[in-house]
Amino acid sequence: MTALAAVLCMALPACGQSNTLAAPGFGLSSADLTPGGRFGLRQVNDTGGCRGRNVSPALAWNHPPAGTHSFALLMFDPDAPGGGWWHWVVFDIPAGTRSLPAGAGNPAGQLMPPGTLQGRNDFGSLGYGGPCPPPGAPHHYHLMLFALRVAKLGLGVGASPGKVASKVHAAAIAKAEMTVLYGR
């Protein structure tokens, strides 16, 4: 199994494995999203026939496990054609951080905590790329926050999702997740 597949298997219940990265009390929440709910137009992409605003959601987390030196946030759609689609890749989030404001996924807005880096999404752009699936059944978007045993992943701005996911897998000590739907 590749490191990328291993990260996805850790995140997705379809792999049939128990979540070995669970940590008591470590949770991810959002004022903009409800687990199992639907993305609002504010978070939906503004390309490919979608008419959203492409604003990343506000996110908050609590009770990271001891030994957390940084966080990484990955947003992935496993229902996308071709085996999945990366929508957001954020890493080197300082250990003292407990939230990201709405719009932090726009690199021009400079709303990320100092030292935090964003990778490229599968749209080919830096930062957040909201949902915009092809017409049909709703897709499942997994927002996964990983507590990491390292302060830095050793990657630069614009790193590919595959490289980030591989490094995250190697350094993860816990994961908090929420899944949100969107279809058109």
N, C-alpha and C. Protein backbone atom coordinates (compact mmCIF):
# COMPACT_ATOMS: atom_id res chain seq x y z
N MET A 1 0.85 -1.17 0.00
CA MET A 1 0.00 0.00 0.00
C MET A 1 0.90 1.24 0.00
N THR A 2 0.64 2.20 -0.90
CA THR A 2 1.42 3.42 -0.93
C THR A 2 1.11 4.26 0.28
N ALA A 3 1.99 5.22 0.58
CA ALA A 3 1.74 6.11 1.72
C ALA A 3 0.46 6.90 1.52
N LEU A 4 0.21 7.33 0.29
CA LEU A 4 -1.02 8.07 0.00
C LEU A 4 -2.24 7.19 0.28
N ALA A 5 -2.21 5.97 -0.19
CA ALA A 5 -3.33 5.06 0.05
C ALA A 5 -3.49 4.79 1.54
N ALA A 6 -2.39 4.70 2.26
CA ALA A 6 -2.45 4.47 3.70
C ALA A 6 -3.11 5.64 4.41
N VAL A 7 -2.79 6.88 4.01
CA VAL A 7 -3.43 8.05 4.62
C VAL A 7 -4.93 8.00 4.36
N LEU A 8 -5.30 7.68 3.14
CA LEU A 8 -6.72 7.62 2.83
C LEU A 8 -7.40 6.49 3.58
N CYS A 9 -6.71 5.37 3.71
CA CYS A 9 -7.29 4.25 4.43
C CYS A 9 -7.50 4.60 5.89
N MET A 10 -6.58 5.37 6.47
CA MET A 10 -6.74 5.82 7.85
C MET A 10 -7.97 6.71 7.97
N ALA A 11 -8.27 7.44 6.91
CA ALA A 11 -9.32 8.44 6.97
C ALA A 11 -10.70 7.91 6.60
N LEU A 12 -10.74 6.90 5.78
CA LEU A 12 -12.02 6.48 5.23
C LEU A 12 -12.46 5.13 5.79
N PRO A 13 -13.68 5.07 6.31
CA PRO A 13 -14.13 3.82 6.89
C PRO A 13 -14.26 2.68 5.88
N ALA A 14 -14.30 2.98 4.62
CA ALA A 14 -14.45 1.94 3.60
C ALA A 14 -13.26 0.98 3.58
N CYS A 15 -12.16 1.38 4.16
CA CYS A 15 -10.99 0.50 4.18
C CYS A 15 -11.19 -0.67 5.12
N GLY A 16 -12.18 -0.58 6.01
CA GLY A 16 -12.48 -1.69 6.89
C GLY A 16 -11.51 -1.84 8.05
N GLN A 17 -10.70 -0.84 8.31
CA GLN A 17 -9.78 -0.90 9.43
C GLN A 17 -10.28 0.01 10.53
N SER A 18 -9.93 -0.31 11.76
CA SER A 18 -10.27 0.58 12.85
C SER A 18 -9.37 1.80 12.77
N ASN A 19 -9.82 2.90 13.34
CA ASN A 19 -9.05 4.12 13.32
C ASN A 19 -8.03 4.07 14.45
N THR A 20 -6.82 3.73 14.15
CA THR A 20 -5.77 3.63 15.15
C THR A 20 -5.25 5.00 15.55
N LEU A 21 -5.71 6.06 14.91
CA LEU A 21 -5.25 7.41 15.23
C LEU A 21 -6.25 8.17 16.08
N ALA A 22 -7.21 7.50 16.67
CA ALA A 22 -8.17 8.17 17.53
C ALA A 22 -7.48 8.59 18.82
N ALA A 23 -7.83 9.78 19.31
CA ALA A 23 -7.32 10.26 20.59
C ALA A 23 -8.50 10.80 21.39
N PRO A 24 -8.64 10.41 22.63
CA PRO A 24 -9.77 10.86 23.45
C PRO A 24 -9.88 12.39 23.47
N GLY A 25 -11.05 12.89 23.13
CA GLY A 25 -11.32 14.32 23.17
C GLY A 25 -10.85 15.13 21.99
N PHE A 26 -9.96 14.58 21.16
CA PHE A 26 -9.44 15.32 20.01
C PHE A 26 -10.55 15.38 18.96
N GLY A 27 -11.07 16.57 18.70
CA GLY A 27 -12.19 16.71 17.78
C GLY A 27 -12.05 17.90 16.87
N LEU A 28 -12.74 17.85 15.76
CA LEU A 28 -12.75 18.91 14.75
C LEU A 28 -14.18 19.40 14.62
N SER A 29 -14.38 20.71 14.61
CA SER A 29 -15.72 21.28 14.46
C SER A 29 -15.65 22.50 13.55
N SER A 30 -16.84 23.00 13.19
CA SER A 30 -16.92 24.15 12.31
C SER A 30 -18.20 24.92 12.55
N ALA A 31 -18.09 26.25 12.59
CA ALA A 31 -19.27 27.11 12.67
C ALA A 31 -19.97 27.16 11.32
N ASP A 32 -19.28 26.76 10.25
CA ASP A 32 -19.81 26.84 8.89
C ASP A 32 -20.34 25.52 8.36
N LEU A 33 -19.93 24.40 8.96
CA LEU A 33 -20.27 23.08 8.44
C LEU A 33 -20.82 22.20 9.56
N THR A 34 -21.68 21.28 9.17
CA THR A 34 -22.22 20.29 10.10
C THR A 34 -21.79 18.91 9.62
N PRO A 35 -21.19 18.10 10.49
CA PRO A 35 -20.82 16.74 10.05
C PRO A 35 -22.03 16.01 9.49
N GLY A 36 -21.87 15.45 8.31
CA GLY A 36 -22.96 14.75 7.63
C GLY A 36 -23.90 15.69 6.90
N GLY A 37 -23.71 17.01 7.08
CA GLY A 37 -24.54 18.00 6.39
C GLY A 37 -23.99 18.33 5.02
N ARG A 38 -24.41 19.46 4.49
CA ARG A 38 -24.02 19.88 3.14
C ARG A 38 -23.25 21.19 3.19
N PHE A 39 -22.31 21.34 2.27
CA PHE A 39 -21.61 22.61 2.11
C PHE A 39 -22.60 23.67 1.66
N GLY A 40 -22.44 24.88 2.16
CA GLY A 40 -23.20 26.02 1.68
C GLY A 40 -22.52 26.62 0.46
N LEU A 41 -23.23 27.44 -0.27
CA LEU A 41 -22.66 28.04 -1.49
C LEU A 41 -21.42 28.88 -1.18
N ARG A 42 -21.31 29.39 0.02
CA ARG A 42 -20.13 30.18 0.36
C ARG A 42 -18.86 29.34 0.23
N GLN A 43 -18.91 28.06 0.58
CA GLN A 43 -17.72 27.20 0.51
C GLN A 43 -17.55 26.49 -0.83
N VAL A 44 -18.57 26.51 -1.69
CA VAL A 44 -18.52 25.83 -2.98
C VAL A 44 -17.61 26.61 -3.94
N ASN A 45 -16.94 25.88 -4.82
CA ASN A 45 -16.04 26.49 -5.78
C ASN A 45 -16.79 27.41 -6.73
N ASP A 46 -16.05 28.27 -7.39
CA ASP A 46 -16.64 29.22 -8.33
C ASP A 46 -16.19 28.95 -9.77
N THR A 47 -15.84 27.70 -10.05
CA THR A 47 -15.41 27.31 -11.40
C THR A 47 -16.15 26.04 -11.81
N GLY A 48 -15.94 25.62 -13.04
CA GLY A 48 -16.46 24.33 -13.50
C GLY A 48 -17.97 24.21 -13.47
N GLY A 49 -18.66 25.32 -13.64
CA GLY A 49 -20.12 25.29 -13.62
C GLY A 49 -20.71 25.50 -12.24
N CYS A 50 -19.88 25.60 -11.22
CA CYS A 50 -20.36 25.89 -9.87
C CYS A 50 -20.33 27.40 -9.65
N ARG A 51 -21.26 27.88 -8.84
CA ARG A 51 -21.38 29.31 -8.64
C ARG A 51 -21.28 29.70 -7.16
N GLY A 52 -20.29 29.12 -6.50
CA GLY A 52 -20.07 29.44 -5.10
C GLY A 52 -19.10 30.60 -4.94
N ARG A 53 -18.68 30.81 -3.70
CA ARG A 53 -17.73 31.89 -3.40
C ARG A 53 -16.33 31.37 -3.08
N ASN A 54 -16.18 30.05 -2.95
CA ASN A 54 -14.88 29.41 -2.71
C ASN A 54 -14.18 29.93 -1.46
N VAL A 55 -14.94 30.10 -0.38
CA VAL A 55 -14.38 30.55 0.89
C VAL A 55 -14.20 29.32 1.78
N SER A 56 -12.98 29.10 2.24
CA SER A 56 -12.73 27.96 3.12
C SER A 56 -13.52 28.12 4.42
N PRO A 57 -13.99 27.02 4.98
CA PRO A 57 -14.79 27.09 6.21
C PRO A 57 -13.95 27.42 7.44
N ALA A 58 -14.59 28.03 8.42
CA ALA A 58 -13.96 28.20 9.73
C ALA A 58 -13.89 26.82 10.38
N LEU A 59 -12.76 26.51 10.97
CA LEU A 59 -12.56 25.22 11.63
C LEU A 59 -11.96 25.44 13.02
N ALA A 60 -12.31 24.57 13.94
CA ALA A 60 -11.75 24.64 15.29
C ALA A 60 -11.52 23.22 15.79
N TRP A 61 -10.57 23.06 16.70
CA TRP A 61 -10.28 21.76 17.28
C TRP A 61 -9.85 21.94 18.72
N ASN A 62 -9.92 20.81 19.44
CA ASN A 62 -9.57 20.86 20.85
C ASN A 62 -8.92 19.55 21.29
N HIS A 63 -8.29 19.61 22.43
CA HIS A 63 -7.70 18.45 23.11
C HIS A 63 -6.76 17.61 22.25
N PRO A 64 -5.75 18.25 21.62
CA PRO A 64 -4.79 17.43 20.90
C PRO A 64 -4.01 16.56 21.89
N PRO A 65 -3.53 15.43 21.45
CA PRO A 65 -2.80 14.54 22.36
C PRO A 65 -1.43 15.10 22.74
N ALA A 66 -0.94 14.64 23.86
CA ALA A 66 0.42 14.99 24.28
C ALA A 66 1.39 14.59 23.17
N GLY A 67 2.41 15.39 22.99
CA GLY A 67 3.39 15.10 21.96
C GLY A 67 3.09 15.73 20.62
N THR A 68 2.00 16.52 20.54
CA THR A 68 1.67 17.20 19.29
C THR A 68 2.61 18.39 19.10
N HIS A 69 3.31 18.41 17.96
CA HIS A 69 4.23 19.50 17.65
C HIS A 69 3.74 20.37 16.50
N SER A 70 2.75 19.89 15.76
CA SER A 70 2.12 20.68 14.70
C SER A 70 0.88 19.93 14.24
N PHE A 71 0.14 20.57 13.33
CA PHE A 71 -1.06 19.96 12.74
C PHE A 71 -0.97 20.04 11.22
N ALA A 72 -1.71 19.15 10.57
CA ALA A 72 -1.91 19.21 9.12
C ALA A 72 -3.39 18.99 8.86
N LEU A 73 -3.92 19.70 7.88
CA LEU A 73 -5.33 19.58 7.50
C LEU A 73 -5.39 19.15 6.04
N LEU A 74 -6.12 18.08 5.79
CA LEU A 74 -6.30 17.57 4.43
C LEU A 74 -7.78 17.47 4.15
N MET A 75 -8.20 17.94 2.97
CA MET A 75 -9.60 17.80 2.54
C MET A 75 -9.61 17.01 1.24
N PHE A 76 -10.31 15.87 1.27
CA PHE A 76 -10.27 14.92 0.15
C PHE A 76 -11.66 14.43 -0.19
N ASP A 77 -11.92 14.30 -1.49
CA ASP A 77 -13.18 13.76 -2.01
C ASP A 77 -12.89 12.40 -2.64
N PRO A 78 -13.21 11.29 -1.96
CA PRO A 78 -12.92 9.97 -2.53
C PRO A 78 -13.89 9.57 -3.63
N ASP A 79 -14.99 10.31 -3.80
CA ASP A 79 -16.00 9.97 -4.81
C ASP A 79 -15.70 10.57 -6.17
N ALA A 80 -14.70 11.41 -6.26
CA ALA A 80 -14.38 12.09 -7.52
C ALA A 80 -13.89 11.08 -8.56
N PRO A 81 -14.20 11.32 -9.83
CA PRO A 81 -13.70 10.45 -10.89
C PRO A 81 -12.18 10.35 -10.84
N GLY A 82 -11.66 9.19 -11.16
CA GLY A 82 -10.22 9.01 -11.19
C GLY A 82 -9.61 8.60 -9.86
N GLY A 83 -10.44 8.31 -8.87
CA GLY A 83 -9.89 7.82 -7.61
C GLY A 83 -9.81 8.84 -6.49
N GLY A 84 -10.34 10.02 -6.71
CA GLY A 84 -10.36 11.01 -5.63
C GLY A 84 -9.80 12.35 -6.05
N TRP A 85 -10.03 13.35 -5.20
CA TRP A 85 -9.65 14.72 -5.51
C TRP A 85 -9.26 15.45 -4.24
N TRP A 86 -8.09 16.04 -4.23
CA TRP A 86 -7.61 16.85 -3.10
C TRP A 86 -8.13 18.27 -3.25
N HIS A 87 -8.80 18.77 -2.22
CA HIS A 87 -9.36 20.12 -2.25
C HIS A 87 -8.58 21.11 -1.41
N TRP A 88 -7.87 20.63 -0.40
CA TRP A 88 -7.15 21.55 0.48
C TRP A 88 -6.07 20.78 1.20
N VAL A 89 -4.88 21.35 1.25
CA VAL A 89 -3.73 20.73 1.91
C VAL A 89 -3.02 21.83 2.71
N VAL A 90 -3.06 21.72 4.03
CA VAL A 90 -2.46 22.71 4.91
C VAL A 90 -1.54 21.97 5.88
N PHE A 91 -0.35 22.48 6.11
CA PHE A 91 0.58 21.78 7.00
C PHE A 91 1.48 22.78 7.73
N ASP A 92 2.24 22.26 8.68
CA ASP A 92 3.09 23.08 9.55
C ASP A 92 2.26 24.09 10.35
N ILE A 93 1.03 23.71 10.69
CA ILE A 93 0.19 24.55 11.55
C ILE A 93 0.78 24.45 12.96
N PRO A 94 1.15 25.57 13.58
CA PRO A 94 1.78 25.51 14.90
C PRO A 94 0.93 24.77 15.94
N ALA A 95 1.60 24.09 16.85
CA ALA A 95 0.95 23.25 17.86
C ALA A 95 -0.01 24.03 18.75
N GLY A 96 0.22 25.30 18.97
CA GLY A 96 -0.66 26.10 19.83
C GLY A 96 -1.93 26.57 19.15
N THR A 97 -2.05 26.34 17.86
CA THR A 97 -3.22 26.79 17.10
C THR A 97 -4.42 25.90 17.42
N ARG A 98 -5.60 26.49 17.57
CA ARG A 98 -6.82 25.73 17.83
C ARG A 98 -7.94 26.06 16.86
N SER A 99 -7.65 26.93 15.86
CA SER A 99 -8.69 27.25 14.88
C SER A 99 -8.09 27.90 13.65
N LEU A 100 -8.87 27.84 12.57
CA LEU A 100 -8.59 28.59 11.34
C LEU A 100 -9.85 29.38 11.02
N PRO A 101 -9.73 30.68 10.73
CA PRO A 101 -10.92 31.45 10.41
C PRO A 101 -11.44 31.16 9.01
N ALA A 102 -12.69 31.45 8.77
CA ALA A 102 -13.24 31.35 7.41
C ALA A 102 -12.38 32.19 6.49
N GLY A 103 -12.10 31.66 5.32
CA GLY A 103 -11.29 32.37 4.34
C GLY A 103 -9.80 32.16 4.47
N ALA A 104 -9.35 31.41 5.49
CA ALA A 104 -7.91 31.19 5.67
C ALA A 104 -7.29 30.44 4.50
N GLY A 105 -8.10 29.71 3.74
CA GLY A 105 -7.59 28.96 2.60
C GLY A 105 -7.21 29.80 1.40
N ASN A 106 -7.47 31.10 1.46
CA ASN A 106 -7.06 32.01 0.39
C ASN A 106 -5.69 32.56 0.74
N PRO A 107 -4.63 32.15 0.04
CA PRO A 107 -3.28 32.61 0.40
C PRO A 107 -3.13 34.13 0.38
N ALA A 108 -3.87 34.82 -0.46
CA ALA A 108 -3.76 36.28 -0.54
C ALA A 108 -4.30 36.96 0.72
N GLY A 109 -5.19 36.28 1.45
CA GLY A 109 -5.78 36.87 2.64
C GLY A 109 -4.89 36.85 3.86
N GLN A 110 -3.83 36.07 3.83
CA GLN A 110 -2.86 35.97 4.91
C GLN A 110 -3.51 35.76 6.28
N LEU A 111 -4.49 34.83 6.34
CA LEU A 111 -5.20 34.55 7.58
C LEU A 111 -4.68 33.30 8.30
N MET A 112 -3.72 32.62 7.70
CA MET A 112 -3.14 31.43 8.34
C MET A 112 -2.20 31.86 9.46
N PRO A 113 -2.07 31.01 10.49
CA PRO A 113 -1.10 31.30 11.55
C PRO A 113 0.32 31.39 10.96
N PRO A 114 1.19 32.23 11.54
CA PRO A 114 2.56 32.33 11.03
C PRO A 114 3.24 30.97 10.97
N GLY A 115 3.93 30.72 9.85
CA GLY A 115 4.64 29.47 9.65
C GLY A 115 3.83 28.39 8.98
N THR A 116 2.52 28.57 8.88
CA THR A 116 1.65 27.58 8.24
C THR A 116 1.83 27.66 6.73
N LEU A 117 1.86 26.50 6.08
CA LEU A 117 2.02 26.43 4.63
C LEU A 117 0.82 25.72 4.01
N GLN A 118 0.53 26.08 2.75
CA GLN A 118 -0.52 25.42 1.99
C GLN A 118 0.09 24.80 0.74
N GLY A 119 -0.41 23.62 0.42
CA GLY A 119 0.03 22.95 -0.78
C GLY A 119 -0.93 23.22 -1.93
N ARG A 120 -0.61 22.63 -3.06
CA ARG A 120 -1.48 22.73 -4.24
C ARG A 120 -2.62 21.74 -4.10
N ASN A 121 -3.79 22.15 -4.56
CA ASN A 121 -4.92 21.22 -4.61
C ASN A 121 -4.98 20.62 -6.01
N ASP A 122 -5.93 19.73 -6.24
CA ASP A 122 -6.02 19.08 -7.55
C ASP A 122 -6.62 19.98 -8.63
N PHE A 123 -7.07 21.18 -8.26
CA PHE A 123 -7.45 22.17 -9.26
C PHE A 123 -6.19 22.82 -9.85
N GLY A 124 -5.04 22.59 -9.19
CA GLY A 124 -3.78 23.17 -9.64
C GLY A 124 -3.46 24.49 -9.00
N SER A 125 -4.25 24.89 -8.01
CA SER A 125 -4.00 26.18 -7.36
C SER A 125 -3.56 25.98 -5.92
N LEU A 126 -2.99 27.01 -5.37
CA LEU A 126 -2.54 27.01 -3.99
C LEU A 126 -3.71 27.33 -3.08
N GLY A 127 -3.86 26.60 -1.99
CA GLY A 127 -4.90 26.89 -1.02
C GLY A 127 -6.16 26.08 -1.23
N TYR A 128 -7.27 26.64 -0.75
CA TYR A 128 -8.56 25.96 -0.74
C TYR A 128 -9.21 25.96 -2.11
N GLY A 129 -9.76 24.82 -2.50
CA GLY A 129 -10.57 24.68 -3.70
C GLY A 129 -11.85 23.96 -3.29
N GLY A 130 -12.94 24.69 -3.20
CA GLY A 130 -14.19 24.14 -2.69
C GLY A 130 -14.79 23.07 -3.59
N PRO A 131 -15.83 22.41 -3.07
CA PRO A 131 -16.50 21.36 -3.83
C PRO A 131 -17.10 21.86 -5.14
N CYS A 132 -17.00 21.05 -6.16
CA CYS A 132 -17.66 21.29 -7.44
C CYS A 132 -17.68 19.96 -8.20
N PRO A 133 -18.44 18.99 -7.68
CA PRO A 133 -18.45 17.68 -8.33
C PRO A 133 -19.26 17.71 -9.62
N PRO A 134 -19.08 16.71 -10.47
CA PRO A 134 -19.94 16.62 -11.65
C PRO A 134 -21.38 16.37 -11.21
N PRO A 135 -22.35 16.73 -12.05
CA PRO A 135 -23.75 16.46 -11.69
C PRO A 135 -23.96 14.97 -11.37
N GLY A 136 -24.79 14.72 -10.39
CA GLY A 136 -25.06 13.34 -9.98
C GLY A 136 -25.20 13.25 -8.47
N ALA A 137 -24.92 12.09 -7.96
CA ALA A 137 -25.03 11.85 -6.52
C ALA A 137 -24.09 12.75 -5.74
N PRO A 138 -24.46 13.14 -4.53
CA PRO A 138 -23.56 13.96 -3.69
C PRO A 138 -22.25 13.24 -3.41
N HIS A 139 -21.19 14.02 -3.31
CA HIS A 139 -19.88 13.50 -2.96
C HIS A 139 -19.64 13.71 -1.47
N HIS A 140 -18.75 12.90 -0.90
CA HIS A 140 -18.37 12.98 0.50
C HIS A 140 -17.01 13.66 0.60
N TYR A 141 -16.95 14.75 1.35
CA TYR A 141 -15.72 15.50 1.51
C TYR A 141 -15.20 15.28 2.93
N HIS A 142 -14.02 14.69 3.03
CA HIS A 142 -13.42 14.37 4.32
C HIS A 142 -12.44 15.47 4.70
N LEU A 143 -12.75 16.18 5.77
CA LEU A 143 -11.82 17.15 6.35
C LEU A 143 -11.12 16.45 7.49
N MET A 144 -9.83 16.26 7.36
CA MET A 144 -9.05 15.46 8.31
C MET A 144 -7.96 16.32 8.91
N LEU A 145 -7.99 16.46 10.22
CA LEU A 145 -6.97 17.20 10.94
C LEU A 145 -6.07 16.18 11.65
N PHE A 146 -4.79 16.25 11.37
CA PHE A 146 -3.83 15.33 11.96
C PHE A 146 -2.95 16.06 12.97
N ALA A 147 -2.80 15.49 14.15
CA ALA A 147 -1.81 15.93 15.12
C ALA A 147 -0.51 15.22 14.76
N LEU A 148 0.57 15.99 14.65
CA LEU A 148 1.85 15.43 14.18
C LEU A 148 2.92 15.49 15.26
N ARG A 149 3.83 14.54 15.20
CA ARG A 149 4.94 14.48 16.17
C ARG A 149 6.11 15.36 15.76
N VAL A 150 6.01 16.05 14.64
CA VAL A 150 7.07 16.94 14.16
C VAL A 150 6.53 18.36 14.02
N ALA A 151 7.40 19.35 14.19
CA ALA A 151 6.98 20.75 14.05
C ALA A 151 6.87 21.15 12.58
N LYS A 152 7.69 20.58 11.73
CA LYS A 152 7.72 20.91 10.30
C LYS A 152 7.81 19.63 9.50
N LEU A 153 7.10 19.60 8.36
CA LEU A 153 7.17 18.43 7.48
C LEU A 153 8.37 18.46 6.54
N GLY A 154 9.03 19.62 6.42
CA GLY A 154 10.19 19.72 5.54
C GLY A 154 9.81 19.90 4.08
N LEU A 155 8.60 20.42 3.83
CA LEU A 155 8.13 20.69 2.48
C LEU A 155 7.91 22.19 2.31
N GLY A 156 7.86 22.64 1.08
CA GLY A 156 7.67 24.05 0.82
C GLY A 156 6.24 24.38 0.41
N VAL A 157 5.98 25.67 0.32
CA VAL A 157 4.69 26.15 -0.19
C VAL A 157 4.44 25.51 -1.55
N GLY A 158 3.21 25.08 -1.78
CA GLY A 158 2.85 24.51 -3.07
C GLY A 158 3.20 23.04 -3.22
N ALA A 159 3.60 22.39 -2.14
CA ALA A 159 3.91 20.96 -2.22
C ALA A 159 2.70 20.19 -2.75
N SER A 160 2.95 19.09 -3.43
CA SER A 160 1.87 18.29 -3.99
C SER A 160 1.11 17.59 -2.88
N PRO A 161 -0.18 17.33 -3.08
CA PRO A 161 -0.96 16.62 -2.07
C PRO A 161 -0.37 15.25 -1.72
N GLY A 162 0.15 14.55 -2.70
CA GLY A 162 0.72 13.24 -2.45
C GLY A 162 1.93 13.30 -1.52
N LYS A 163 2.81 14.27 -1.75
CA LYS A 163 3.98 14.41 -0.87
C LYS A 163 3.56 14.79 0.54
N VAL A 164 2.61 15.72 0.65
CA VAL A 164 2.15 16.12 1.98
C VAL A 164 1.50 14.94 2.69
N ALA A 165 0.62 14.22 1.99
CA ALA A 165 -0.07 13.09 2.60
C ALA A 165 0.92 12.03 3.07
N SER A 166 1.95 11.78 2.30
CA SER A 166 2.95 10.79 2.68
C SER A 166 3.68 11.21 3.95
N LYS A 167 4.09 12.47 4.02
CA LYS A 167 4.78 12.98 5.22
C LYS A 167 3.85 13.00 6.42
N VAL A 168 2.58 13.37 6.20
CA VAL A 168 1.61 13.38 7.28
C VAL A 168 1.44 11.97 7.84
N HIS A 169 1.29 11.01 6.96
CA HIS A 169 1.13 9.61 7.40
C HIS A 169 2.30 9.18 8.28
N ALA A 170 3.50 9.55 7.90
CA ALA A 170 4.68 9.14 8.65
C ALA A 170 4.78 9.81 10.02
N ALA A 171 4.18 11.00 10.17
CA ALA A 171 4.34 11.78 11.41
C ALA A 171 3.07 11.85 12.27
N ALA A 172 1.97 11.26 11.83
CA ALA A 172 0.69 11.40 12.53
C ALA A 172 0.66 10.61 13.84
N ILE A 173 0.12 11.27 14.88
CA ILE A 173 -0.11 10.59 16.15
C ILE A 173 -1.61 10.53 16.47
N ALA A 174 -2.40 11.39 15.82
CA ALA A 174 -3.86 11.37 16.04
C ALA A 174 -4.54 12.07 14.88
N LYS A 175 -5.83 11.73 14.71
CA LYS A 175 -6.62 12.32 13.63
C LYS A 175 -8.02 12.65 14.15
N ALA A 176 -8.51 13.83 13.76
CA ALA A 176 -9.90 14.22 14.00
C ALA A 176 -10.49 14.49 12.62
N GLU A 177 -11.75 14.10 12.42
CA GLU A 177 -12.32 14.17 11.06
C GLU A 177 -13.78 14.56 11.09
N MET A 178 -14.19 15.23 10.03
CA MET A 178 -15.61 15.43 9.78
C MET A 178 -15.84 15.25 8.28
N THR A 179 -17.00 14.69 7.94
CA THR A 179 -17.36 14.47 6.54
C THR A 179 -18.59 15.31 6.23
N VAL A 180 -18.50 16.05 5.12
CA VAL A 180 -19.59 16.93 4.68
C VAL A 180 -19.88 16.60 3.23
N LEU A 181 -21.14 16.71 2.83
CA LEU A 181 -21.59 16.34 1.49
C LEU A 181 -21.81 17.55 0.59
N TYR A 182 -21.72 17.31 -0.71
CA TYR A 182 -22.16 18.31 -1.69
C TYR A 182 -22.42 17.62 -3.01
N GLY A 183 -23.51 17.97 -3.65
CA GLY A 183 -23.83 17.45 -4.97
C GLY A 183 -24.61 18.49 -5.74
N ARG A 184 -24.67 18.27 -7.03
CA ARG A 184 -25.46 19.19 -7.88
C ARG A 184 -26.09 18.43 -9.01
